[in-house]
Amino acid sequence: MSSWVKGWEDRVNAVATNPLLLKRAIKLENIGADKEELLDSEHLIWSRDAYERYSDSFGSLGFFIISLDGKNLASSRDTNLGLTNIVKRIYPNLFNEAISGKIVITPPMRSDVPLLNPLGITRSDTPTMFVLSPIIQDNGEITAVLSLRIDPYLEFANLTQSGAVGDTGESYFVDHMGRMLSHSRHENKLVSLGLLEPGQMSVLNLYVTNPQRELTPDEPAAESHNERRLTYAAEQVSSQNNGNSFKSYRNYLGVEVIGAWKWDERYGFGIVTEMSIDEASSNFQYFKNIIITLICIIALSCLLLTSASLWLSRHVLQRLQINNEKLEKTISIRTKDLQERENRLWDLYENSPVAYATLDKNGNFTKHNKQFSQITGHDREAFATLQWMDVLATDDGEGKQIFESALQGEDTSDARLYLHTHSSGALAVSLSVRTEFHPDGSLAEIRLALLDVNEQETVRAEMLKNQQQYQTLVENIQGAVFRCNYVDLKKNNFTVFYISPNFEHITGYPVSDFIGKNPVRRFVDLAVGNDGEGFLKRFAKLHYKTAKYYSICEL
């Protein structure tokens, strides 16, 4: 409805603001309400020609240019020139709104001149309505009012046809007196039902009254049907109420219906929408059946989905149980293997001939093996309270220095220490230290390994003593002693790696000239004649027999 009103307001405003019309309106206003002068005026002719150009596209039935006092200055017809305009007479309040500057639309009314109705019959009671717009000059002065005639039958038919739902659904407009302002969906039956006279239209001629029974051609309405009480919906509209009723009541045909209604204060009429209770019930039952069917389908689908879900869940659960059993079995086997490996590793660690121990960054023992306890001479339970310096202290302070280096992250390899053990006194050991760190770079633990090298040190000391005795013996011999490393005796390929000091007194040459892979000189080169070569040949020949021999060479 609002869109329809807005469309007509735009149309009349488009004409009312035409600059040529503004000038003509002033000219017509100057002529006044003199019918004879208006008929002779070129401005009337121009107005009618201009309207003809607009009328086809606008769909209006006629026009008026009205003076501010309500006189017709221009019209599509000659008969009503100079007379008081119909809107001024019937709806003076709406006319006053128009001359105050507003665009207004009137409710349907009976025409003041005979008009052709939709049945093709010219009648004086043909309904009409108007849209009015003030003609405002450039200086803001309102000099006249433009009015376009509208066919309410055709216009309202387009508006209400959307309410013609199903076989009995209907929408129609009703004024405050209960008169129908739009055509009836049952227009062609109203005469036979006694509600209209032949040639009449429902607009403005039919009162929406309650016949108290269903009307038929055999039992039409009484002649006084327009004097009866309005239908329930029409009463509500005439009282300017909005609402609806799902409880059936009789419409103007006497049919039991349900409906809804709304009063529009702006336009001065209301709209009613109704449908027979039988069709509404059948539609309700139809949609009810559809909804029930949908619910059943949804319920069945849910049941099937639930069954499928339960089956799938049970199947998945069985698979999970089987996989879980396999996993538990695998974990059990792996755990057993790990335990066996851990036990073997611990056995290797515990019974290793190398003494192992682990300390924290404060020097406290956190772990050690049996060999470590045996080497250091401390009971295993005592390590719960022992620290580095209690076990690995040395007289020269080297043990403390190695611990401090470990705190700085430095490893130690094969450091020889002499420890004062708890049970056996001094003991020579080889100490190796390795540090481990946390991901953040802080020291995690200190791992150390001890190897008892006491016997090795004893043997090494004995060998050193024997070497010193041998060295003293060799150096005190009157002659010179050689030690050589032979590679190939046949080619006399050998290297002298030791000569006793007396050799220098005998030959006068430094010992260093004869030692090494590339000596400055050779001993055989000092021999006179072939004594040197003969010595080498005899040595090579007798060497394979591991026999002792002597040879005299002249140097």
Foldseek 3Di string as FASTA:
>chain_A
DVVLVVVVVVLQVVVLAPPVVLVLLVVLVVVAQDLVVLVVDVSQVVVLVVCVVVCVVNVFDKKFKAFLVQATSHINDSPRGSHGDPCCVPPVVQSVVQQVFDKAKAAKFFACAFDQEPVRDTDRRQIKIKIKHFRADPVRHGGTIMITIHRQAVSVCVVWVVQCPDPFKTKFKAFLLQQTQYFTPPQVCCVLQVQDPPPDTSHRRGGWQAQQAATDSVRHGDNCRNVHHHWPQSNCFSVQHWFWDPAWTQTSRRATWTWTKHHDPRHRIIMIIIGGNVVVVVVVVVVVVVVVVVVVVVVVVVVVVVVVVVVVVVVVVVVVVVVVVVVVVVVVVVVVVVVVVVVVVVCCQQPPLKWKWKFFLVFQTDDTHPNVCVVQVHDPVVSNPDGQCVRQPAPVRVSVVQSVVVQVQDWDFQDWTWTQHPPDGTFTKTKTKHWDADPVGHTGMIMMIIHGCRVVVVVVVVVVVVVVVVLVVQQPDQDKDWDKADDDLVVPQIFTADMHCCHCVVPVDGPQQRGDNDHVDHPLVPFPDCQSVVVSVVCSVCVVVVDDDDGDTDD
